């Protein structure tokens, strides 16, 4: 799929791009609706102030691409390797499936995951300060050396966070799910 080099205030609907690369394209204030990018890498692209609604983005490596102030709504962004991007800043996911995505060692302050499936995701070494994880399922996701300062897990579930190997200063949790934090303390609860 060929895109113009400069895409400003554009609306893209029902675009299907499979096993192709999107190269050297800039997208500013664009909307993507019901688009499919499967095994289609974004190479040297820049996305700024864009919204993806009901899209499927799967098995994508965003080589040297930038994502700034991006909202994903009702989308599947699965197996996305964010570590290959040049910049990932101000990301928001609402009612999305981001299963198998890799966020390791990224600085993602105020990451928003609202009503998402974040199964088997990698957050190792990430800085998620001030992030909000409302109604998000973290089954099988990895947190280690992760900065979760002021993160809001009050309505999140199925997370496994070892309190010894993560920074949890002023992070918010709620019962009964917060009792899983005790598993890492090697104590006996009755």
C-alpha atoms as a PDB file:
ATOM      1  CA  UNK A   1       0.000   0.000   0.000  1.00  0.00           C
ATOM      2  CA  UNK A   2       1.462   3.326  -1.023  1.00  0.00           C
ATOM      3  CA  UNK A   3       0.805   6.387   1.127  1.00  0.00           C
ATOM      4  CA  UNK A   4       1.762   9.964   0.370  1.00  0.00           C
ATOM      5  CA  UNK A   5       4.911  11.169   2.119  1.00  0.00           C
ATOM      6  CA  UNK A   6       2.885  13.835   3.985  1.00  0.00           C
ATOM      7  CA  UNK A   7      -0.580  12.911   5.264  1.00  0.00           C
ATOM      8  CA  UNK A   8      -2.231  15.698   7.253  1.00  0.00           C
ATOM      9  CA  UNK A   9      -5.862  15.664   8.451  1.00  0.00           C
ATOM     10  CA  UNK A  10      -6.543  12.587   6.314  1.00  0.00           C
ATOM     11  CA  UNK A  11      -9.144   9.928   6.999  1.00  0.00           C
ATOM     12  CA  UNK A  12      -8.335   6.358   5.979  1.00  0.00           C
ATOM     13  CA  UNK A  13     -11.115   3.763   5.944  1.00  0.00           C
ATOM     14  CA  UNK A  14     -11.012   0.020   5.320  1.00  0.00           C
ATOM     15  CA  UNK A  15      -7.437  -0.023   4.060  1.00  0.00           C
ATOM     16  CA  UNK A  16      -5.943  -3.505   3.984  1.00  0.00           C
ATOM     17  CA  UNK A  17      -2.195  -3.890   4.033  1.00  0.00           C
ATOM     18  CA  UNK A  18      -0.776  -7.398   4.516  1.00  0.00           C
ATOM     19  CA  UNK A  19       2.874  -8.477   4.273  1.00  0.00           C
ATOM     20  CA  UNK A  20       3.888  -5.037   2.998  1.00  0.00           C
ATOM     21  CA  UNK A  21       5.902  -2.232   4.523  1.00  0.00           C
ATOM     22  CA  UNK A  22       4.687   1.324   4.918  1.00  0.00           C
ATOM     23  CA  UNK A  23       7.830   3.417   4.409  1.00  0.00           C
ATOM     24  CA  UNK A  24       8.826   7.024   5.133  1.00  0.00           C
ATOM     25  CA  UNK A  25       5.296   8.365   5.510  1.00  0.00           C
ATOM     26  CA  UNK A  26       4.227  11.075   7.952  1.00  0.00           C
ATOM     27  CA  UNK A  27       0.716  11.016   9.409  1.00  0.00           C
ATOM     28  CA  UNK A  28      -0.448  14.042  11.377  1.00  0.00           C
ATOM     29  CA  UNK A  29      -3.947  14.364  12.850  1.00  0.00           C
ATOM     30  CA  UNK A  30      -5.121  11.393  10.770  1.00  0.00           C
ATOM     31  CA  UNK A  31      -7.834   8.852  11.506  1.00  0.00           C
ATOM     32  CA  UNK A  32      -7.714   5.178  10.593  1.00  0.00           C
ATOM     33  CA  UNK A  33     -11.039   3.327  10.697  1.00  0.00           C
ATOM     34  CA  UNK A  34     -11.459  -0.425  10.168  1.00  0.00           C
ATOM     35  CA  UNK A  35      -7.984  -0.671   8.631  1.00  0.00           C
ATOM     36  CA  UNK A  36      -5.846  -3.810   8.630  1.00  0.00           C
ATOM     37  CA  UNK A  37      -2.054  -3.873   8.894  1.00  0.00           C
ATOM     38  CA  UNK A  38      -1.012  -7.527   9.338  1.00  0.00           C
ATOM     39  CA  UNK A  39       2.699  -8.365   9.130  1.00  0.00           C
ATOM     40  CA  UNK A  40       3.086  -4.921   7.625  1.00  0.00           C
ATOM     41  CA  UNK A  41       5.945  -3.034   9.170  1.00  0.00           C
ATOM     42  CA  UNK A  42       5.979   0.724   9.617  1.00  0.00           C
ATOM     43  CA  UNK A  43       9.483   1.779   8.562  1.00  0.00           C
ATOM     44  CA  UNK A  44      10.751   5.314   9.244  1.00  0.00           C
ATOM     45  CA  UNK A  45       7.180   6.612   9.641  1.00  0.00           C
ATOM     46  CA  UNK A  46       5.880   9.336  11.929  1.00  0.00           C
ATOM     47  CA  UNK A  47       2.420   9.231  13.506  1.00  0.00           C
ATOM     48  CA  UNK A  48       1.356  12.328  15.471  1.00  0.00           C
ATOM     49  CA  UNK A  49      -2.097  13.004  16.991  1.00  0.00           C
ATOM     50  CA  UNK A  50      -3.664  10.043  15.170  1.00  0.00           C
ATOM     51  CA  UNK A  51      -6.641   7.845  16.094  1.00  0.00           C
ATOM     52  CA  UNK A  52      -7.044   4.175  15.120  1.00  0.00           C
ATOM     53  CA  UNK A  53     -10.624   2.868  15.508  1.00  0.00           C
ATOM     54  CA  UNK A  54     -11.658  -0.774  14.938  1.00  0.00           C
ATOM     55  CA  UNK A  55      -8.312  -1.530  13.304  1.00  0.00           C
ATOM     56  CA  UNK A  56      -6.226  -4.708  13.246  1.00  0.00           C
ATOM     57  CA  UNK A  57      -2.479  -4.161  13.584  1.00  0.00           C
ATOM     58  CA  UNK A  58      -0.709  -7.447  14.124  1.00  0.00           C
ATOM     59  CA  UNK A  59       2.874  -8.773  14.056  1.00  0.00           C
ATOM     60  CA  UNK A  60       4.243  -5.334  13.274  1.00  0.00           C
ATOM     61  CA  UNK A  61       7.764  -4.054  13.907  1.00  0.00           C
ATOM     62  CA  UNK A  62       7.692  -0.265  13.699  1.00  0.00           C
ATOM     63  CA  UNK A  63      11.314   0.145  12.644  1.00  0.00           C
ATOM     64  CA  UNK A  64      12.589   3.613  13.533  1.00  0.00           C
ATOM     65  CA  UNK A  65       9.043   5.045  13.534  1.00  0.00           C
ATOM     66  CA  UNK A  66       7.557   7.617  15.913  1.00  0.00           C
ATOM     67  CA  UNK A  67       4.195   7.463  17.694  1.00  0.00           C
ATOM     68  CA  UNK A  68       3.258  10.620  19.577  1.00  0.00           C
ATOM     69  CA  UNK A  69      -0.168  11.185  21.156  1.00  0.00           C
ATOM     70  CA  UNK A  70      -1.845   8.155  19.548  1.00  0.00           C
ATOM     71  CA  UNK A  71      -5.246   6.735  20.521  1.00  0.00           C
ATOM     72  CA  UNK A  72      -6.328   3.195  19.714  1.00  0.00           C
ATOM     73  CA  UNK A  73     -10.023   2.445  20.194  1.00  0.00           C
ATOM     74  CA  UNK A  74     -11.742  -0.922  19.820  1.00  0.00           C
ATOM     75  CA  UNK A  75      -8.688  -2.267  17.985  1.00  0.00           C
ATOM     76  CA  UNK A  76      -6.432  -5.316  17.962  1.00  0.00           C
ATOM     77  CA  UNK A  77      -2.818  -4.208  18.269  1.00  0.00           C
ATOM     78  CA  UNK A  78      -1.368  -7.655  18.886  1.00  0.00           C
ATOM     79  CA  UNK A  79       2.249  -8.750  18.782  1.00  0.00           C
ATOM     80  CA  UNK A  80       3.362  -5.155  18.238  1.00  0.00           C
ATOM     81  CA  UNK A  81       7.023  -4.654  19.106  1.00  0.00           C
ATOM     82  CA  UNK A  82       7.088  -1.094  20.440  1.00  0.00           C
ATOM     83  CA  UNK A  83      10.792  -1.480  21.264  1.00  0.00           C
ATOM     84  CA  UNK A  84      11.624  -1.144  17.562  1.00  0.00           C
ATOM     85  CA  UNK A  85      10.097   2.337  17.411  1.00  0.00           C
ATOM     86  CA  UNK A  86      12.211   5.462  17.650  1.00  0.00           C
ATOM     87  CA  UNK A  87       9.671   7.252  19.877  1.00  0.00           C
ATOM     88  CA  UNK A  88       6.515   6.033  21.633  1.00  0.00           C
ATOM     89  CA  UNK A  89       4.938   8.761  23.748  1.00  0.00           C
ATOM     90  CA  UNK A  90       1.422   9.463  25.038  1.00  0.00           C
ATOM     91  CA  UNK A  91      -0.204   6.198  23.974  1.00  0.00           C
ATOM     92  CA  UNK A  92      -3.820   5.412  24.840  1.00  0.00           C
ATOM     93  CA  UNK A  93      -5.643   2.111  24.291  1.00  0.00           C
ATOM     94  CA  UNK A  94      -9.407   1.884  24.900  1.00  0.00           C
ATOM     95  CA  UNK A  95     -11.181  -1.501  24.651  1.00  0.00           C
ATOM     96  CA  UNK A  96      -8.244  -2.948  22.732  1.00  0.00           C
ATOM     97  CA  UNK A  97      -6.492  -6.297  22.596  1.00  0.00           C
ATOM     98  CA  UNK A  98      -2.732  -5.699  22.859  1.00  0.00           C
ATOM     99  CA  UNK A  99      -1.832  -9.315  23.650  1.00  0.00           C
ATOM    100  CA  UNK A 100       1.808 -10.338  23.015  1.00  0.00           C
ATOM    101  CA  UNK A 101       2.993  -6.729  22.632  1.00  0.00           C
ATOM    102  CA  UNK A 102       6.468  -5.716  23.765  1.00  0.00           C
ATOM    103  CA  UNK A 103       6.944  -2.486  25.751  1.00  0.00           C
ATOM    104  CA  UNK A 104      10.190  -3.487  27.483  1.00  0.00           C
ATOM    105  CA  UNK A 105      12.640  -0.755  28.515  1.00  0.00           C
ATOM    106  CA  UNK A 106      10.441   2.071  27.168  1.00  0.00           C
ATOM    107  CA  UNK A 107       9.616   5.307  28.960  1.00  0.00           C
ATOM    108  CA  UNK A 108       5.818   5.430  28.700  1.00  0.00           C
ATOM    109  CA  UNK A 109       4.635   7.893  31.320  1.00  0.00           C
ATOM    110  CA  UNK A 110       0.842   8.071  31.631  1.00  0.00           C
ATOM    111  CA  UNK A 111       0.189   5.064  29.405  1.00  0.00           C
ATOM    112  CA  UNK A 112      -3.592   4.505  29.284  1.00  0.00           C
ATOM    113  CA  UNK A 113      -5.014   0.985  29.091  1.00  0.00           C
ATOM    114  CA  UNK A 114      -8.784   1.168  29.519  1.00  0.00           C
ATOM    115  CA  UNK A 115     -10.806  -2.062  29.321  1.00  0.00           C
ATOM    116  CA  UNK A 116      -8.006  -3.847  27.472  1.00  0.00           C
ATOM    117  CA  UNK A 117      -6.622  -7.349  27.127  1.00  0.00           C
ATOM    118  CA  UNK A 118      -2.909  -7.018  27.836  1.00  0.00           C
ATOM    119  CA  UNK A 119      -2.149 -10.724  28.060  1.00  0.00           C
ATOM    120  CA  UNK A 120       1.434 -11.969  27.732  1.00  0.00           C
ATOM    121  CA  UNK A 121       2.806  -8.439  27.299  1.00  0.00           C
ATOM    122  CA  UNK A 122       6.367  -7.538  28.221  1.00  0.00           C
ATOM    123  CA  UNK A 123       6.801  -4.478  30.471  1.00  0.00           C
ATOM    124  CA  UNK A 124      10.272  -5.448  31.767  1.00  0.00           C
ATOM    125  CA  UNK A 125      12.399  -2.388  32.555  1.00  0.00           C
ATOM    126  CA  UNK A 126       9.693   0.045  31.444  1.00  0.00           C
ATOM    127  CA  UNK A 127       8.919   3.355  33.118  1.00  0.00           C
ATOM    128  CA  UNK A 128       5.124   3.448  33.442  1.00  0.00           C
ATOM    129  CA  UNK A 129       4.949   6.323  35.928  1.00  0.00           C
ATOM    130  CA  UNK A 130       1.431   7.718  36.282  1.00  0.00           C
ATOM    131  CA  UNK A 131      -0.164   5.110  34.021  1.00  0.00           C
ATOM    132  CA  UNK A 132      -3.816   4.107  34.293  1.00  0.00           C
ATOM    133  CA  UNK A 133      -4.896   0.473  33.816  1.00  0.00           C
ATOM    134  CA  UNK A 134      -8.678   0.509  34.335  1.00  0.00           C
ATOM    135  CA  UNK A 135     -10.450  -2.837  33.762  1.00  0.00           C
ATOM    136  CA  UNK A 136      -7.381  -4.321  32.072  1.00  0.00           C
ATOM    137  CA  UNK A 137      -6.442  -8.011  32.079  1.00  0.00           C
ATOM    138  CA  UNK A 138      -2.675  -8.568  32.562  1.00  0.00           C
ATOM    139  CA  UNK A 139      -2.740 -12.375  32.544  1.00  0.00           C
ATOM    140  CA  UNK A 140       0.780 -13.673  31.895  1.00  0.00           C
ATOM    141  CA  UNK A 141       2.309 -10.216  31.461  1.00  0.00           C
ATOM    142  CA  UNK A 142       5.839  -9.605  32.741  1.00  0.00           C
ATOM    143  CA  UNK A 143       6.767  -6.843  35.169  1.00  0.00           C
ATOM    144  CA  UNK A 144      10.374  -6.733  36.413  1.00  0.00           C
ATOM    145  CA  UNK A 145      12.514  -3.673  37.104  1.00  0.00           C
ATOM    146  CA  UNK A 146       9.395  -1.745  36.035  1.00  0.00           C
ATOM    147  CA  UNK A 147       8.751   1.718  37.418  1.00  0.00           C
ATOM    148  CA  UNK A 148       5.073   1.740  38.423  1.00  0.00           C
ATOM    149  CA  UNK A 149       5.229   4.921  40.531  1.00  0.00           C
ATOM    150  CA  UNK A 150       1.734   6.427  40.856  1.00  0.00           C
ATOM    151  CA  UNK A 151       0.291   3.806  38.475  1.00  0.00           C
ATOM    152  CA  UNK A 152      -3.401   3.045  38.961  1.00  0.00           C
ATOM    153  CA  UNK A 153      -4.142  -0.699  39.098  1.00  0.00           C
ATOM    154  CA  UNK A 154      -7.366  -0.305  41.136  1.00  0.00           C
ATOM    155  CA  UNK A 155      -9.581  -2.007  38.554  1.00  0.00           C
ATOM    156  CA  UNK A 156      -6.910  -4.069  36.797  1.00  0.00           C
ATOM    157  CA  UNK A 157      -6.755  -7.830  37.254  1.00  0.00           C
ATOM    158  CA  UNK A 158      -4.631 -10.953  36.732  1.00  0.00           C
ATOM    159  CA  UNK A 159      -1.394  -9.037  37.209  1.00  0.00           C
ATOM    160  CA  UNK A 160       1.644 -10.716  38.748  1.00  0.00           C
ATOM    161  CA  UNK A 161       3.924  -8.058  40.196  1.00  0.00           C
ATOM    162  CA  UNK A 162       6.831  -8.969  42.442  1.00  0.00           C
ATOM    163  CA  UNK A 163       7.112  -6.147  44.987  1.00  0.00           C
ATOM    164  CA  UNK A 164      10.845  -6.828  45.418  1.00  0.00           C
ATOM    165  CA  UNK A 165      11.768  -6.195  41.798  1.00  0.00           C
ATOM    166  CA  UNK A 166       9.503  -3.303  40.795  1.00  0.00           C
ATOM    167  CA  UNK A 167       9.064   0.292  41.947  1.00  0.00           C
ATOM    168  CA  UNK A 168       5.557   0.730  43.354  1.00  0.00           C
ATOM    169  CA  UNK A 169       5.822   4.092  45.142  1.00  0.00           C
ATOM    170  CA  UNK A 170       2.313   5.545  45.566  1.00  0.00           C
ATOM    171  CA  UNK A 171       0.862   3.021  43.096  1.00  0.00           C
ATOM    172  CA  UNK A 172      -2.839   2.364  43.676  1.00  0.00           C
ATOM    173  CA  UNK A 173      -4.339  -1.101  44.070  1.00  0.00           C
ATOM    174  CA  UNK A 174      -7.702  -2.439  45.266  1.00  0.00           C
ATOM    175  CA  UNK A 175      -8.799  -5.604  47.009  1.00  0.00           C
ATOM    176  CA  UNK A 176      -9.267  -8.445  46.392  1.00  0.00           C
ATOM    177  CA  UNK A 177      -6.897  -8.347  43.396  1.00  0.00           C
ATOM    178  CA  UNK A 178      -4.154  -6.540  45.379  1.00  0.00           C
ATOM    179  CA  UNK A 179      -3.696  -9.640  47.537  1.00  0.00           C
ATOM    180  CA  UNK A 180      -1.675 -11.104  44.632  1.00  0.00           C
ATOM    181  CA  UNK A 181       1.125  -8.669  45.635  1.00  0.00           C
ATOM    182  CA  UNK A 182       1.641 -10.746  48.768  1.00  0.00           C
ATOM    183  CA  UNK A 183       2.714 -13.799  46.740  1.00  0.00           C
ATOM    184  CA  UNK A 184       6.204 -12.350  46.314  1.00  0.00           C
ATOM    185  CA  UNK A 185       6.729 -11.886  50.072  1.00  0.00           C
ATOM    186  CA  UNK A 186       7.245 -15.556  50.984  1.00  0.00           C
ATOM    187  CA  UNK A 187       4.751 -15.344  53.842  1.00  0.00           C
ATOM    188  CA  UNK A 188       1.978 -17.607  55.069  1.00  0.00           C
ATOM    189  CA  UNK A 189      -1.480 -16.075  55.065  1.00  0.00           C
ATOM    190  CA  UNK A 190      -4.442 -17.597  56.842  1.00  0.00           C
END
